[in-house]
Amino acid sequence: MIRAPWRGPGPSRGFTLIEVIAALVTFSLGVIMVLQLSTALSAPMEYSARTSSIVARAQERLDSLEALPFDSLTLGTDTDTLTVRGVRYILTAGVTEVTGVLYQIDVELAPSVTGSGPTFSATSYATAAW
């Protein structure tokens, strides 16, 4: 039996240096791909979380206005600022008269710097008792 000169006498045991390096390179490429994937997914997940937060805040404001009796609603616009996940938002709530017995309630949440986050708006109506 002829043995390769780099193997030495006796049975072959273990891995060669080339095999170890190839395994480390393959493992490293896998780790890099996973890190790139997690980085790529973090921005859309943050955007979704921010969207969920502003929708909940706007809906709370809309619900609080809808819960008021019709005679207690004040016509006009109210503006407030709040911070959602590190971004400043402007909350605008407005009540306008459609007819004498019908009011339109608009709520909008928009970032104070255009393009820095999602926006949300909702509209509802309140009616007087017949």
N, C-alpha and C. Protein backbone atom coordinates (compact mmCIF):
# COMPACT_ATOMS: atom_id res chain seq x y z
N MET A 1 0.84 -1.17 0.00
CA MET A 1 0.00 0.00 0.00
C MET A 1 0.89 1.24 0.00
N ILE A 2 0.58 2.18 -0.88
CA ILE A 2 1.37 3.40 -1.00
C ILE A 2 0.61 4.52 -0.30
N ARG A 3 1.30 5.20 0.58
CA ARG A 3 0.68 6.31 1.32
C ARG A 3 1.21 7.63 0.77
N ALA A 4 0.35 8.64 0.86
CA ALA A 4 0.78 9.98 0.46
C ALA A 4 1.82 10.45 1.46
N PRO A 5 2.85 11.17 1.02
CA PRO A 5 3.94 11.56 1.91
C PRO A 5 3.50 12.49 3.05
N TRP A 6 2.44 13.25 2.90
CA TRP A 6 2.04 14.18 3.95
C TRP A 6 1.21 13.54 5.05
N ARG A 7 0.80 12.28 4.85
CA ARG A 7 -0.06 11.64 5.83
C ARG A 7 0.73 10.93 6.92
N GLY A 8 1.87 10.51 6.66
CA GLY A 8 2.68 9.82 7.66
C GLY A 8 2.24 8.38 7.82
N PRO A 9 2.93 7.65 8.63
CA PRO A 9 2.60 6.24 8.82
C PRO A 9 1.35 6.05 9.66
N GLY A 10 0.72 4.94 9.56
CA GLY A 10 -0.44 4.60 10.36
C GLY A 10 -1.73 4.99 9.68
N PRO A 11 -2.85 4.62 10.32
CA PRO A 11 -4.14 4.94 9.73
C PRO A 11 -4.42 6.44 9.76
N SER A 12 -5.20 6.91 8.81
CA SER A 12 -5.55 8.33 8.72
C SER A 12 -6.60 8.67 9.77
N ARG A 13 -6.33 9.70 10.61
CA ARG A 13 -7.29 10.12 11.63
C ARG A 13 -7.40 11.64 11.62
N GLY A 14 -8.61 12.15 11.85
CA GLY A 14 -8.82 13.59 11.93
C GLY A 14 -9.01 14.23 10.57
N PHE A 15 -8.98 15.56 10.59
CA PHE A 15 -9.22 16.35 9.40
C PHE A 15 -7.94 17.04 8.99
N THR A 16 -7.84 17.29 7.70
CA THR A 16 -6.68 18.03 7.23
C THR A 16 -6.94 19.52 7.45
N LEU A 17 -5.89 20.30 7.35
CA LEU A 17 -6.00 21.74 7.54
C LEU A 17 -6.92 22.35 6.49
N ILE A 18 -6.86 21.87 5.27
CA ILE A 18 -7.72 22.38 4.20
C ILE A 18 -9.19 22.13 4.53
N GLU A 19 -9.52 20.96 5.06
CA GLU A 19 -10.90 20.63 5.42
C GLU A 19 -11.40 21.53 6.55
N VAL A 20 -10.56 21.81 7.51
CA VAL A 20 -10.93 22.68 8.63
C VAL A 20 -11.17 24.10 8.13
N ILE A 21 -10.29 24.59 7.27
CA ILE A 21 -10.46 25.95 6.73
C ILE A 21 -11.74 26.04 5.90
N ALA A 22 -12.01 25.03 5.07
CA ALA A 22 -13.23 25.03 4.26
C ALA A 22 -14.47 25.02 5.14
N ALA A 23 -14.45 24.26 6.21
CA ALA A 23 -15.60 24.22 7.13
C ALA A 23 -15.79 25.57 7.82
N LEU A 24 -14.70 26.22 8.25
CA LEU A 24 -14.80 27.53 8.89
C LEU A 24 -15.32 28.60 7.92
N VAL A 25 -14.87 28.55 6.67
CA VAL A 25 -15.35 29.52 5.68
C VAL A 25 -16.84 29.32 5.44
N THR A 26 -17.28 28.08 5.30
CA THR A 26 -18.70 27.79 5.09
C THR A 26 -19.55 28.25 6.27
N PHE A 27 -19.08 27.97 7.48
CA PHE A 27 -19.80 28.40 8.69
C PHE A 27 -19.85 29.92 8.77
N SER A 28 -18.74 30.58 8.47
CA SER A 28 -18.70 32.05 8.52
C SER A 28 -19.66 32.68 7.52
N LEU A 29 -19.72 32.12 6.32
CA LEU A 29 -20.66 32.65 5.33
C LEU A 29 -22.10 32.49 5.80
N GLY A 30 -22.41 31.38 6.44
CA GLY A 30 -23.76 31.18 6.99
C GLY A 30 -24.10 32.20 8.05
N VAL A 31 -23.16 32.48 8.95
CA VAL A 31 -23.38 33.46 10.02
C VAL A 31 -23.57 34.85 9.42
N ILE A 32 -22.77 35.21 8.43
CA ILE A 32 -22.89 36.53 7.79
C ILE A 32 -24.26 36.67 7.12
N MET A 33 -24.73 35.63 6.47
CA MET A 33 -26.05 35.69 5.82
C MET A 33 -27.16 35.88 6.84
N VAL A 34 -27.08 35.18 7.96
CA VAL A 34 -28.10 35.32 9.00
C VAL A 34 -28.08 36.74 9.57
N LEU A 35 -26.90 37.30 9.80
CA LEU A 35 -26.81 38.67 10.33
C LEU A 35 -27.36 39.69 9.33
N GLN A 36 -27.09 39.51 8.05
CA GLN A 36 -27.63 40.42 7.05
C GLN A 36 -29.15 40.32 6.98
N LEU A 37 -29.67 39.12 7.12
CA LEU A 37 -31.11 38.93 7.08
C LEU A 37 -31.78 39.60 8.28
N SER A 38 -31.19 39.44 9.46
CA SER A 38 -31.80 40.06 10.65
C SER A 38 -31.73 41.58 10.56
N THR A 39 -30.66 42.12 10.00
CA THR A 39 -30.56 43.57 9.82
C THR A 39 -31.58 44.06 8.81
N ALA A 40 -31.76 43.30 7.74
CA ALA A 40 -32.73 43.70 6.72
C ALA A 40 -34.16 43.66 7.25
N LEU A 41 -34.44 42.78 8.19
CA LEU A 41 -35.80 42.66 8.72
C LEU A 41 -36.08 43.63 9.85
N SER A 42 -35.05 44.19 10.48
CA SER A 42 -35.30 45.06 11.64
C SER A 42 -35.99 46.36 11.25
N ALA A 43 -35.66 46.95 10.11
CA ALA A 43 -36.31 48.21 9.70
C ALA A 43 -37.80 48.02 9.41
N PRO A 44 -38.21 47.00 8.63
CA PRO A 44 -39.65 46.81 8.43
C PRO A 44 -40.39 46.47 9.72
N MET A 45 -39.74 45.76 10.62
CA MET A 45 -40.41 45.42 11.89
C MET A 45 -40.59 46.67 12.74
N GLU A 46 -39.60 47.58 12.75
CA GLU A 46 -39.73 48.83 13.50
C GLU A 46 -40.84 49.69 12.90
N TYR A 47 -40.92 49.75 11.57
CA TYR A 47 -41.96 50.51 10.89
C TYR A 47 -43.35 49.96 11.25
N SER A 48 -43.47 48.64 11.27
CA SER A 48 -44.75 48.00 11.63
C SER A 48 -45.12 48.27 13.08
N ALA A 49 -44.13 48.22 13.96
CA ALA A 49 -44.40 48.50 15.37
C ALA A 49 -44.84 49.94 15.56
N ARG A 50 -44.20 50.86 14.86
CA ARG A 50 -44.57 52.28 14.96
C ARG A 50 -45.97 52.49 14.40
N THR A 51 -46.29 51.82 13.29
CA THR A 51 -47.63 51.94 12.70
C THR A 51 -48.69 51.44 13.67
N SER A 52 -48.44 50.31 14.30
CA SER A 52 -49.40 49.77 15.27
C SER A 52 -49.61 50.73 16.42
N SER A 53 -48.53 51.34 16.89
CA SER A 53 -48.64 52.28 18.01
C SER A 53 -49.45 53.51 17.64
N ILE A 54 -49.20 54.09 16.45
CA ILE A 54 -49.94 55.31 16.11
C ILE A 54 -51.39 55.01 15.80
N VAL A 55 -51.68 53.84 15.24
CA VAL A 55 -53.08 53.48 14.99
C VAL A 55 -53.82 53.36 16.32
N ALA A 56 -53.18 52.72 17.31
CA ALA A 56 -53.82 52.58 18.62
C ALA A 56 -54.05 53.94 19.27
N ARG A 57 -53.07 54.84 19.20
CA ARG A 57 -53.22 56.17 19.82
C ARG A 57 -54.31 56.99 19.11
N ALA A 58 -54.34 56.93 17.78
CA ALA A 58 -55.36 57.68 17.05
C ALA A 58 -56.75 57.12 17.33
N GLN A 59 -56.84 55.81 17.40
CA GLN A 59 -58.14 55.18 17.68
C GLN A 59 -58.62 55.52 19.09
N GLU A 60 -57.70 55.60 20.05
CA GLU A 60 -58.08 56.01 21.41
C GLU A 60 -58.68 57.41 21.40
N ARG A 61 -58.02 58.31 20.67
CA ARG A 61 -58.52 59.70 20.60
C ARG A 61 -59.87 59.76 19.91
N LEU A 62 -60.02 59.01 18.82
CA LEU A 62 -61.30 58.98 18.12
C LEU A 62 -62.39 58.40 19.01
N ASP A 63 -62.09 57.33 19.73
CA ASP A 63 -63.07 56.73 20.63
C ASP A 63 -63.47 57.68 21.74
N SER A 64 -62.50 58.45 22.26
CA SER A 64 -62.84 59.40 23.33
C SER A 64 -63.75 60.50 22.83
N LEU A 65 -63.56 60.94 21.59
CA LEU A 65 -64.47 61.96 21.03
C LEU A 65 -65.84 61.38 20.71
N GLU A 66 -65.87 60.15 20.24
CA GLU A 66 -67.17 59.52 19.94
C GLU A 66 -67.97 59.24 21.20
N ALA A 67 -67.28 59.06 22.33
CA ALA A 67 -67.97 58.75 23.58
C ALA A 67 -68.65 59.99 24.19
N LEU A 68 -68.24 61.17 23.75
CA LEU A 68 -68.85 62.38 24.28
C LEU A 68 -70.28 62.55 23.75
N PRO A 69 -71.16 63.10 24.58
CA PRO A 69 -72.51 63.41 24.07
C PRO A 69 -72.40 64.44 22.93
N PHE A 70 -73.35 64.39 22.03
CA PHE A 70 -73.32 65.27 20.85
C PHE A 70 -73.23 66.74 21.24
N ASP A 71 -73.98 67.13 22.27
CA ASP A 71 -73.99 68.53 22.71
C ASP A 71 -72.67 68.96 23.32
N SER A 72 -71.83 68.00 23.75
CA SER A 72 -70.55 68.32 24.37
C SER A 72 -69.42 68.47 23.35
N LEU A 73 -69.65 68.05 22.11
CA LEU A 73 -68.61 68.19 21.09
C LEU A 73 -68.43 69.65 20.71
N THR A 74 -67.19 70.08 20.66
CA THR A 74 -66.87 71.46 20.31
C THR A 74 -66.33 71.49 18.89
N LEU A 75 -66.92 72.34 18.06
CA LEU A 75 -66.44 72.47 16.69
C LEU A 75 -65.06 73.11 16.69
N GLY A 76 -64.19 72.62 15.83
CA GLY A 76 -62.83 73.17 15.73
C GLY A 76 -61.79 72.07 15.68
N THR A 77 -60.55 72.51 15.73
CA THR A 77 -59.43 71.58 15.62
C THR A 77 -58.55 71.70 16.85
N ASP A 78 -58.10 70.55 17.33
CA ASP A 78 -57.21 70.47 18.49
C ASP A 78 -55.92 69.78 18.04
N THR A 79 -54.77 70.34 18.39
CA THR A 79 -53.49 69.78 17.99
C THR A 79 -52.67 69.46 19.23
N ASP A 80 -52.01 68.31 19.19
CA ASP A 80 -51.17 67.87 20.30
C ASP A 80 -49.94 67.18 19.72
N THR A 81 -48.84 67.18 20.44
CA THR A 81 -47.65 66.45 19.99
C THR A 81 -47.37 65.31 20.95
N LEU A 82 -46.90 64.21 20.40
CA LEU A 82 -46.53 63.06 21.22
C LEU A 82 -45.38 62.33 20.54
N THR A 83 -44.68 61.52 21.31
CA THR A 83 -43.55 60.76 20.80
C THR A 83 -43.91 59.28 20.79
N VAL A 84 -43.75 58.65 19.63
CA VAL A 84 -44.03 57.23 19.48
C VAL A 84 -42.75 56.55 19.00
N ARG A 85 -42.18 55.71 19.85
CA ARG A 85 -40.98 54.94 19.52
C ARG A 85 -39.86 55.83 18.98
N GLY A 86 -39.67 56.96 19.64
CA GLY A 86 -38.57 57.86 19.30
C GLY A 86 -38.84 58.86 18.19
N VAL A 87 -40.03 58.88 17.63
CA VAL A 87 -40.38 59.82 16.56
C VAL A 87 -41.49 60.73 17.07
N ARG A 88 -41.32 62.06 16.89
CA ARG A 88 -42.36 63.01 17.30
C ARG A 88 -43.48 63.04 16.27
N TYR A 89 -44.69 62.97 16.78
CA TYR A 89 -45.88 62.99 15.94
C TYR A 89 -46.77 64.15 16.34
N ILE A 90 -47.53 64.63 15.38
CA ILE A 90 -48.54 65.68 15.62
C ILE A 90 -49.90 65.01 15.49
N LEU A 91 -50.66 65.08 16.56
CA LEU A 91 -52.02 64.53 16.60
C LEU A 91 -52.99 65.67 16.37
N THR A 92 -53.77 65.57 15.31
CA THR A 92 -54.76 66.59 14.99
C THR A 92 -56.14 65.95 15.06
N ALA A 93 -57.00 66.52 15.88
CA ALA A 93 -58.38 66.05 16.01
C ALA A 93 -59.30 67.22 15.70
N GLY A 94 -60.20 67.00 14.74
CA GLY A 94 -61.09 68.09 14.34
C GLY A 94 -62.54 67.64 14.29
N VAL A 95 -63.41 68.55 14.68
CA VAL A 95 -64.85 68.30 14.62
C VAL A 95 -65.45 69.39 13.73
N THR A 96 -66.10 68.97 12.66
CA THR A 96 -66.75 69.92 11.75
C THR A 96 -68.23 69.59 11.63
N GLU A 97 -69.03 70.60 11.37
CA GLU A 97 -70.47 70.41 11.25
C GLU A 97 -70.81 70.08 9.80
N VAL A 98 -71.47 68.95 9.61
CA VAL A 98 -71.95 68.56 8.28
C VAL A 98 -73.35 69.11 8.10
N THR A 99 -74.22 68.83 9.06
CA THR A 99 -75.55 69.43 9.12
C THR A 99 -75.79 69.80 10.58
N GLY A 100 -76.93 70.32 10.86
CA GLY A 100 -77.23 70.71 12.24
C GLY A 100 -77.24 69.55 13.21
N VAL A 101 -77.47 68.35 12.71
CA VAL A 101 -77.54 67.18 13.59
C VAL A 101 -76.45 66.15 13.29
N LEU A 102 -75.46 66.52 12.45
CA LEU A 102 -74.41 65.58 12.08
C LEU A 102 -73.05 66.28 12.11
N TYR A 103 -72.14 65.74 12.91
CA TYR A 103 -70.77 66.25 12.99
C TYR A 103 -69.81 65.21 12.44
N GLN A 104 -68.79 65.69 11.76
CA GLN A 104 -67.72 64.82 11.27
C GLN A 104 -66.52 64.97 12.21
N ILE A 105 -65.99 63.83 12.65
CA ILE A 105 -64.83 63.81 13.55
C ILE A 105 -63.65 63.23 12.77
N ASP A 106 -62.58 64.01 12.64
CA ASP A 106 -61.37 63.58 11.95
C ASP A 106 -60.20 63.54 12.93
N VAL A 107 -59.44 62.45 12.88
CA VAL A 107 -58.23 62.32 13.70
C VAL A 107 -57.10 61.94 12.77
N GLU A 108 -55.98 62.66 12.89
CA GLU A 108 -54.81 62.36 12.06
C GLU A 108 -53.55 62.38 12.92
N LEU A 109 -52.69 61.40 12.71
CA LEU A 109 -51.39 61.35 13.35
C LEU A 109 -50.35 61.34 12.25
N ALA A 110 -49.47 62.35 12.23
CA ALA A 110 -48.44 62.45 11.21
C ALA A 110 -47.13 62.84 11.88
N PRO A 111 -46.01 62.34 11.37
CA PRO A 111 -44.72 62.72 11.97
C PRO A 111 -44.45 64.20 11.77
N SER A 112 -43.78 64.82 12.74
CA SER A 112 -43.49 66.25 12.65
C SER A 112 -42.50 66.53 11.52
N VAL A 113 -41.65 65.56 11.18
CA VAL A 113 -40.74 65.68 10.04
C VAL A 113 -41.29 64.78 8.95
N THR A 114 -41.67 65.36 7.83
CA THR A 114 -42.28 64.59 6.74
C THR A 114 -41.36 63.47 6.28
N GLY A 115 -41.94 62.27 6.14
CA GLY A 115 -41.19 61.12 5.66
C GLY A 115 -40.44 60.35 6.72
N SER A 116 -40.55 60.75 7.99
CA SER A 116 -39.79 60.06 9.03
C SER A 116 -40.58 58.94 9.70
N GLY A 117 -41.76 58.64 9.21
CA GLY A 117 -42.54 57.56 9.79
C GLY A 117 -43.91 57.46 9.14
N PRO A 118 -44.66 56.44 9.54
CA PRO A 118 -45.99 56.25 8.96
C PRO A 118 -46.97 57.31 9.46
N THR A 119 -48.04 57.49 8.71
CA THR A 119 -49.13 58.39 9.11
C THR A 119 -50.41 57.58 9.20
N PHE A 120 -51.39 58.14 9.91
CA PHE A 120 -52.67 57.47 10.04
C PHE A 120 -53.75 58.54 10.19
N SER A 121 -54.87 58.32 9.55
CA SER A 121 -56.02 59.20 9.73
C SER A 121 -57.29 58.37 9.74
N ALA A 122 -58.26 58.85 10.50
CA ALA A 122 -59.54 58.16 10.60
C ALA A 122 -60.65 59.20 10.71
N THR A 123 -61.81 58.83 10.21
CA THR A 123 -62.97 59.71 10.23
C THR A 123 -64.17 58.97 10.81
N SER A 124 -64.93 59.67 11.61
CA SER A 124 -66.16 59.11 12.16
C SER A 124 -67.22 60.21 12.17
N TYR A 125 -68.43 59.83 12.51
CA TYR A 125 -69.52 60.80 12.54
C TYR A 125 -70.30 60.67 13.84
N ALA A 126 -70.79 61.79 14.32
CA ALA A 126 -71.63 61.81 15.52
C ALA A 126 -72.94 62.50 15.15
N THR A 127 -74.02 61.93 15.69
CA THR A 127 -75.33 62.51 15.38
C THR A 127 -76.05 62.90 16.66
N ALA A 128 -76.91 63.88 16.52
CA ALA A 128 -77.73 64.30 17.65
C ALA A 128 -78.90 63.34 17.77
N ALA A 129 -79.46 63.29 18.96
CA ALA A 129 -80.65 62.46 19.17
C ALA A 129 -81.81 63.03 18.37
N TRP A 130 -82.58 62.17 17.77
CA TRP A 130 -83.70 62.62 16.95
C TRP A 130 -84.85 63.02 17.79
